[in-house]
Amino acid sequence: MFRSAVRALKMQHIALDSQGGARICNGLGIMRACLETQKLEQLEARMDKIADRVARDRTNVARERTSHP
């Protein structure tokens, strides 16, 4: 995504001064950080679901063992 954004800027032959370039790089860095945060939150939610399922399965197995002598 970031490479394509930079490529698009190059293709438009935009003459950027160093301040403009710095602003673009800063903006892309912020976008990347936001996407990484979003991905980490998605992974955390998936891990919570897996942990809940494992705990539930272990509880069910323990119940089955105690109910069948």
PDB file of N, CA and C in Angstrom:
ATOM      1  N   MET A   1       0.827  -1.184   0.000  1.00  0.00           N
ATOM      2  CA  MET A   1       0.000   0.000   0.000  1.00  0.00           C
ATOM      3  C   MET A   1       0.873   1.250   0.000  1.00  0.00           C
ATOM      4  N   PHE A   2       1.880   1.265   0.836  1.00  0.00           N
ATOM      5  CA  PHE A   2       2.722   2.446   0.940  1.00  0.00           C
ATOM      6  C   PHE A   2       3.577   2.610  -0.305  1.00  0.00           C
ATOM      7  N   ARG A   3       4.051   1.489  -0.817  1.00  0.00           N
ATOM      8  CA  ARG A   3       4.844   1.567  -2.039  1.00  0.00           C
ATOM      9  C   ARG A   3       4.008   2.105  -3.188  1.00  0.00           C
ATOM     10  N   SER A   4       2.763   1.665  -3.261  1.00  0.00           N
ATOM     11  CA  SER A   4       1.902   2.143  -4.337  1.00  0.00           C
ATOM     12  C   SER A   4       1.620   3.635  -4.182  1.00  0.00           C
ATOM     13  N   ALA A   5       1.506   4.122  -2.957  1.00  0.00           N
ATOM     14  CA  ALA A   5       1.284   5.555  -2.739  1.00  0.00           C
ATOM     15  C   ALA A   5       2.501   6.353  -3.190  1.00  0.00           C
ATOM     16  N   VAL A   6       3.664   5.879  -2.852  1.00  0.00           N
ATOM     17  CA  VAL A   6       4.893   6.567  -3.271  1.00  0.00           C
ATOM     18  C   VAL A   6       5.026   6.500  -4.784  1.00  0.00           C
ATOM     19  N   ARG A   7       4.735   5.336  -5.359  1.00  0.00           N
ATOM     20  CA  ARG A   7       4.798   5.173  -6.805  1.00  0.00           C
ATOM     21  C   ARG A   7       3.824   6.120  -7.503  1.00  0.00           C
ATOM     22  N   ALA A   8       2.630   6.262  -6.935  1.00  0.00           N
ATOM     23  CA  ALA A   8       1.636   7.168  -7.522  1.00  0.00           C
ATOM     24  C   ALA A   8       2.145   8.602  -7.510  1.00  0.00           C
ATOM     25  N   LEU A   9       2.819   8.995  -6.430  1.00  0.00           N
ATOM     26  CA  LEU A   9       3.377  10.345  -6.377  1.00  0.00           C
ATOM     27  C   LEU A   9       4.456  10.535  -7.441  1.00  0.00           C
ATOM     28  N   LYS A  10       5.274   9.527  -7.635  1.00  0.00           N
ATOM     29  CA  LYS A  10       6.333   9.620  -8.644  1.00  0.00           C
ATOM     30  C   LYS A  10       5.730   9.697 -10.041  1.00  0.00           C
ATOM     31  N   MET A  11       4.674   8.928 -10.267  1.00  0.00           N
ATOM     32  CA  MET A  11       4.057   8.898 -11.582  1.00  0.00           C
ATOM     33  C   MET A  11       3.422  10.234 -11.939  1.00  0.00           C
ATOM     34  N   GLN A  12       2.991  10.973 -10.957  1.00  0.00           N
ATOM     35  CA  GLN A  12       2.376  12.262 -11.222  1.00  0.00           C
ATOM     36  C   GLN A  12       3.409  13.357 -11.426  1.00  0.00           C
ATOM     37  N   HIS A  13       4.658  13.036 -11.302  1.00  0.00           N
ATOM     38  CA  HIS A  13       5.754  13.981 -11.492  1.00  0.00           C
ATOM     39  C   HIS A  13       5.569  15.225 -10.619  1.00  0.00           C
ATOM     40  N   ILE A  14       5.234  14.990  -9.375  1.00  0.00           N
ATOM     41  CA  ILE A  14       5.053  16.094  -8.449  1.00  0.00           C
ATOM     42  C   ILE A  14       6.409  16.515  -7.915  1.00  0.00           C
ATOM     43  N   ALA A  15       6.689  17.781  -8.039  1.00  0.00           N
ATOM     44  CA  ALA A  15       7.934  18.302  -7.478  1.00  0.00           C
ATOM     45  C   ALA A  15       7.676  18.658  -6.027  1.00  0.00           C
ATOM     46  N   LEU A  16       8.333  17.941  -5.121  1.00  0.00           N
ATOM     47  CA  LEU A  16       8.132  18.166  -3.701  1.00  0.00           C
ATOM     48  C   LEU A  16       9.374  18.782  -3.086  1.00  0.00           C
ATOM     49  N   ASP A  17       9.150  19.732  -2.218  1.00  0.00           N
ATOM     50  CA  ASP A  17      10.280  20.225  -1.449  1.00  0.00           C
ATOM     51  C   ASP A  17      10.494  19.285  -0.270  1.00  0.00           C
ATOM     52  N   SER A  18      11.543  19.492   0.459  1.00  0.00           N
ATOM     53  CA  SER A  18      11.850  18.562   1.549  1.00  0.00           C
ATOM     54  C   SER A  18      10.781  18.586   2.632  1.00  0.00           C
ATOM     55  N   GLN A  19      10.162  19.739   2.871  1.00  0.00           N
ATOM     56  CA  GLN A  19       9.106  19.814   3.879  1.00  0.00           C
ATOM     57  C   GLN A  19       7.879  19.017   3.429  1.00  0.00           C
ATOM     58  N   GLY A  20       7.515  19.128   2.171  1.00  0.00           N
ATOM     59  CA  GLY A  20       6.377  18.362   1.650  1.00  0.00           C
ATOM     60  C   GLY A  20       6.652  16.872   1.696  1.00  0.00           C
ATOM     61  N   GLY A  21       7.861  16.491   1.344  1.00  0.00           N
ATOM     62  CA  GLY A  21       8.240  15.078   1.401  1.00  0.00           C
ATOM     63  C   GLY A  21       8.195  14.548   2.826  1.00  0.00           C
ATOM     64  N   ALA A  22       8.656  15.368   3.756  1.00  0.00           N
ATOM     65  CA  ALA A  22       8.631  14.964   5.160  1.00  0.00           C
ATOM     66  C   ALA A  22       7.199  14.781   5.646  1.00  0.00           C
ATOM     67  N   ARG A  23       6.295  15.652   5.212  1.00  0.00           N
ATOM     68  CA  ARG A  23       4.891  15.534   5.617  1.00  0.00           C
ATOM     69  C   ARG A  23       4.263  14.258   5.059  1.00  0.00           C
ATOM     70  N   ILE A  24       4.596  13.939   3.816  1.00  0.00           N
ATOM     71  CA  ILE A  24       4.067  12.714   3.214  1.00  0.00           C
ATOM     72  C   ILE A  24       4.600  11.499   3.964  1.00  0.00           C
ATOM     73  N   CYS A  25       5.890  11.476   4.240  1.00  0.00           N
ATOM     74  CA  CYS A  25       6.474  10.341   4.973  1.00  0.00           C
ATOM     75  C   CYS A  25       5.862  10.224   6.361  1.00  0.00           C
ATOM     76  N   ASN A  26       5.649  11.338   7.020  1.00  0.00           N
ATOM     77  CA  ASN A  26       5.040  11.327   8.339  1.00  0.00           C
ATOM     78  C   ASN A  26       3.618  10.779   8.258  1.00  0.00           C
ATOM     79  N   GLY A  27       2.863  11.230   7.269  1.00  0.00           N
ATOM     80  CA  GLY A  27       1.491  10.742   7.092  1.00  0.00           C
ATOM     81  C   GLY A  27       1.457   9.251   6.817  1.00  0.00           C
ATOM     82  N   LEU A  28       2.365   8.789   5.967  1.00  0.00           N
ATOM     83  CA  LEU A  28       2.422   7.346   5.682  1.00  0.00           C
ATOM     84  C   LEU A  28       2.811   6.556   6.927  1.00  0.00           C
ATOM     85  N   GLY A  29       3.697   7.108   7.724  1.00  0.00           N
ATOM     86  CA  GLY A  29       4.084   6.442   8.976  1.00  0.00           C
ATOM     87  C   GLY A  29       2.916   6.337   9.934  1.00  0.00           C
ATOM     88  N   ILE A  30       2.123   7.397  10.015  1.00  0.00           N
ATOM     89  CA  ILE A  30       0.934   7.370  10.885  1.00  0.00           C
ATOM     90  C   ILE A  30      -0.064   6.347  10.376  1.00  0.00           C
ATOM     91  N   MET A  31      -0.272   6.309   9.044  1.00  0.00           N
ATOM     92  CA  MET A  31      -1.188   5.316   8.473  1.00  0.00           C
ATOM     93  C   MET A  31      -0.726   3.899   8.803  1.00  0.00           C
ATOM     94  N   ARG A  32       0.554   3.658   8.663  1.00  0.00           N
ATOM     95  CA  ARG A  32       1.097   2.331   8.938  1.00  0.00           C
ATOM     96  C   ARG A  32       0.891   1.947  10.404  1.00  0.00           C
ATOM     97  N   ALA A  33       1.157   2.889  11.305  1.00  0.00           N
ATOM     98  CA  ALA A  33       0.982   2.617  12.734  1.00  0.00           C
ATOM     99  C   ALA A  33      -0.484   2.301  13.041  1.00  0.00           C
ATOM    100  N   CYS A  34      -1.390   3.025  12.412  1.00  0.00           N
ATOM    101  CA  CYS A  34      -2.819   2.771  12.635  1.00  0.00           C
ATOM    102  C   CYS A  34      -3.206   1.383  12.144  1.00  0.00           C
ATOM    103  N   LEU A  35      -2.703   1.010  10.972  1.00  0.00           N
ATOM    104  CA  LEU A  35      -3.015  -0.312  10.429  1.00  0.00           C
ATOM    105  C   LEU A  35      -2.423  -1.423  11.299  1.00  0.00           C
ATOM    106  N   GLU A  36      -1.217  -1.201  11.802  1.00  0.00           N
ATOM    107  CA  GLU A  36      -0.603  -2.201  12.677  1.00  0.00           C
ATOM    108  C   GLU A  36      -1.397  -2.336  13.971  1.00  0.00           C
ATOM    109  N   THR A  37      -1.850  -1.211  14.526  1.00  0.00           N
ATOM    110  CA  THR A  37      -2.656  -1.252  15.747  1.00  0.00           C
ATOM    111  C   THR A  37      -3.953  -1.995  15.503  1.00  0.00           C
ATOM    112  N   GLN A  38      -4.586  -1.714  14.378  1.00  0.00           N
ATOM    113  CA  GLN A  38      -5.840  -2.384  14.032  1.00  0.00           C
ATOM    114  C   GLN A  38      -5.619  -3.888  13.898  1.00  0.00           C
ATOM    115  N   LYS A  39      -4.547  -4.280  13.238  1.00  0.00           N
ATOM    116  CA  LYS A  39      -4.251  -5.701  13.047  1.00  0.00           C
ATOM    117  C   LYS A  39      -3.986  -6.373  14.394  1.00  0.00           C
ATOM    118  N   LEU A  40      -3.243  -5.712  15.274  1.00  0.00           N
ATOM    119  CA  LEU A  40      -2.976  -6.273  16.598  1.00  0.00           C
ATOM    120  C   LEU A  40      -4.267  -6.457  17.387  1.00  0.00           C
ATOM    121  N   GLU A  41      -5.191  -5.491  17.276  1.00  0.00           N
ATOM    122  CA  GLU A  41      -6.471  -5.619  17.970  1.00  0.00           C
ATOM    123  C   GLU A  41      -7.278  -6.786  17.422  1.00  0.00           C
ATOM    124  N   GLN A  42      -7.227  -6.999  16.096  1.00  0.00           N
ATOM    125  CA  GLN A  42      -7.929  -8.132  15.495  1.00  0.00           C
ATOM    126  C   GLN A  42      -7.326  -9.453  15.975  1.00  0.00           C
ATOM    127  N   LEU A  43      -6.005  -9.507  16.027  1.00  0.00           N
ATOM    128  CA  LEU A  43      -5.338 -10.724  16.503  1.00  0.00           C
ATOM    129  C   LEU A  43      -5.668 -10.992  17.968  1.00  0.00           C
ATOM    130  N   GLU A  44      -5.717  -9.944  18.775  1.00  0.00           N
ATOM    131  CA  GLU A  44      -6.057 -10.099  20.188  1.00  0.00           C
ATOM    132  C   GLU A  44      -7.467 -10.666  20.342  1.00  0.00           C
ATOM    133  N   ALA A  45      -8.403 -10.171  19.553  1.00  0.00           N
ATOM    134  CA  ALA A  45      -9.779 -10.670  19.618  1.00  0.00           C
ATOM    135  C   ALA A  45      -9.843 -12.139  19.211  1.00  0.00           C
ATOM    136  N   ARG A  46      -9.097 -12.509  18.174  1.00  0.00           N
ATOM    137  CA  ARG A  46      -9.063 -13.920  17.752  1.00  0.00           C
ATOM    138  C   ARG A  46      -8.462 -14.806  18.833  1.00  0.00           C
ATOM    139  N   MET A  47      -7.381 -14.326  19.463  1.00  0.00           N
ATOM    140  CA  MET A  47      -6.751 -15.113  20.524  1.00  0.00           C
ATOM    141  C   MET A  47      -7.688 -15.286  21.719  1.00  0.00           C
ATOM    142  N   ASP A  48      -8.458 -14.251  22.046  1.00  0.00           N
ATOM    143  CA  ASP A  48      -9.424 -14.353  23.139  1.00  0.00           C
ATOM    144  C   ASP A  48     -10.481 -15.410  22.830  1.00  0.00           C
ATOM    145  N   LYS A  49     -10.967 -15.442  21.588  1.00  0.00           N
ATOM    146  CA  LYS A  49     -11.958 -16.446  21.201  1.00  0.00           C
ATOM    147  C   LYS A  49     -11.388 -17.854  21.319  1.00  0.00           C
ATOM    148  N   ILE A  50     -10.147 -18.024  20.872  1.00  0.00           N
ATOM    149  CA  ILE A  50      -9.502 -19.336  20.953  1.00  0.00           C
ATOM    150  C   ILE A  50      -9.312 -19.745  22.406  1.00  0.00           C
ATOM    151  N   ALA A  51      -8.869 -18.822  23.241  1.00  0.00           N
ATOM    152  CA  ALA A  51      -8.658 -19.127  24.663  1.00  0.00           C
ATOM    153  C   ALA A  51      -9.977 -19.506  25.334  1.00  0.00           C
ATOM    154  N   ASP A  52     -11.045 -18.795  24.992  1.00  0.00           N
ATOM    155  CA  ASP A  52     -12.363 -19.133  25.552  1.00  0.00           C
ATOM    156  C   ASP A  52     -12.801 -20.523  25.116  1.00  0.00           C
ATOM    157  N   ARG A  53     -12.590 -20.847  23.851  1.00  0.00           N
ATOM    158  CA  ARG A  53     -12.984 -22.161  23.343  1.00  0.00           C
ATOM    159  C   ARG A  53     -12.183 -23.280  24.016  1.00  0.00           C
ATOM    160  N   VAL A  54     -10.884 -23.064  24.193  1.00  0.00           N
ATOM    161  CA  VAL A  54     -10.039 -24.068  24.850  1.00  0.00           C
ATOM    162  C   VAL A  54     -10.490 -24.271  26.299  1.00  0.00           C
ATOM    163  N   ALA A  55     -10.773 -23.190  26.999  1.00  0.00           N
ATOM    164  CA  ALA A  55     -11.224 -23.300  28.390  1.00  0.00           C
ATOM    165  C   ALA A  55     -12.556 -24.041  28.462  1.00  0.00           C
ATOM    166  N   ARG A  56     -13.464 -23.730  27.547  1.00  0.00           N
ATOM    167  CA  ARG A  56     -14.768 -24.403  27.523  1.00  0.00           C
ATOM    168  C   ARG A  56     -14.605 -25.898  27.227  1.00  0.00           C
ATOM    169  N   ASP A  57     -13.735 -26.223  26.271  1.00  0.00           N
ATOM    170  CA  ASP A  57     -13.499 -27.626  25.926  1.00  0.00           C
ATOM    171  C   ASP A  57     -12.885 -28.389  27.099  1.00  0.00           C
ATOM    172  N   ARG A  58     -11.962 -27.767  27.793  1.00  0.00           N
ATOM    173  CA  ARG A  58     -11.345 -28.426  28.956  1.00  0.00           C
ATOM    174  C   ARG A  58     -12.373 -28.662  30.057  1.00  0.00           C
ATOM    175  N   THR A  59     -13.248 -27.698  30.258  1.00  0.00           N
ATOM    176  CA  THR A  59     -14.304 -27.853  31.265  1.00  0.00           C
ATOM    177  C   THR A  59     -15.222 -29.004  30.893  1.00  0.00           C
ATOM    178  N   ASN A  60     -15.596 -29.081  29.623  1.00  0.00           N
ATOM    179  CA  ASN A  60     -16.477 -30.164  29.169  1.00  0.00           C
ATOM    180  C   ASN A  60     -15.819 -31.529  29.324  1.00  0.00           C
ATOM    181  N   VAL A  61     -14.542 -31.624  29.022  1.00  0.00           N
ATOM    182  CA  VAL A  61     -13.820 -32.896  29.170  1.00  0.00           C
ATOM    183  C   VAL A  61     -13.768 -33.286  30.644  1.00  0.00           C
ATOM    184  N   ALA A  62     -13.508 -32.336  31.520  1.00  0.00           N
ATOM    185  CA  ALA A  62     -13.450 -32.623  32.955  1.00  0.00           C
ATOM    186  C   ALA A  62     -14.808 -33.091  33.461  1.00  0.00           C
ATOM    187  N   ARG A  63     -15.874 -32.475  32.985  1.00  0.00           N
ATOM    188  CA  ARG A  63     -17.233 -32.910  33.385  1.00  0.00           C
ATOM    189  C   ARG A  63     -17.508 -34.322  32.920  1.00  0.00           C
ATOM    190  N   GLU A  64     -17.126 -34.620  31.701  1.00  0.00           N
ATOM    191  CA  GLU A  64     -17.354 -35.969  31.171  1.00  0.00           C
ATOM    192  C   GLU A  64     -16.596 -37.010  31.969  1.00  0.00           C
ATOM    193  N   ARG A  65     -15.399 -36.704  32.385  1.00  0.00           N
ATOM    194  CA  ARG A  65     -14.597 -37.660  33.154  1.00  0.00           C
ATOM    195  C   ARG A  65     -15.206 -37.907  34.522  1.00  0.00           C
ATOM    196  N   THR A  66     -15.768 -36.893  35.138  1.00  0.00           N
ATOM    197  CA  THR A  66     -16.329 -37.072  36.471  1.00  0.00           C
ATOM    198  C   THR A  66     -17.705 -37.708  36.433  1.00  0.00           C
ATOM    199  N   SER A  67     -18.418 -37.548  35.331  1.00  0.00           N
ATOM    200  CA  SER A  67     -19.773 -38.115  35.262  1.00  0.00           C
ATOM    201  C   SER A  67     -19.768 -39.572  34.811  1.00  0.00           C
ATOM    202  N   HIS A  68     -18.663 -40.049  34.235  1.00  0.00           N
ATOM    203  CA  HIS A  68     -18.558 -41.446  33.798  1.00  0.00           C
ATOM    204  C   HIS A  68     -17.445 -42.148  34.600  1.00  0.00           C
ATOM    205  N   PRO A  69     -17.823 -42.826  35.678  1.00  0.00           N
ATOM    206  CA  PRO A  69     -16.783 -43.459  36.507  1.00  0.00           C
ATOM    207  C   PRO A  69     -16.125 -44.647  35.862  1.00  0.00           C
TER     208      PRO A  69
END
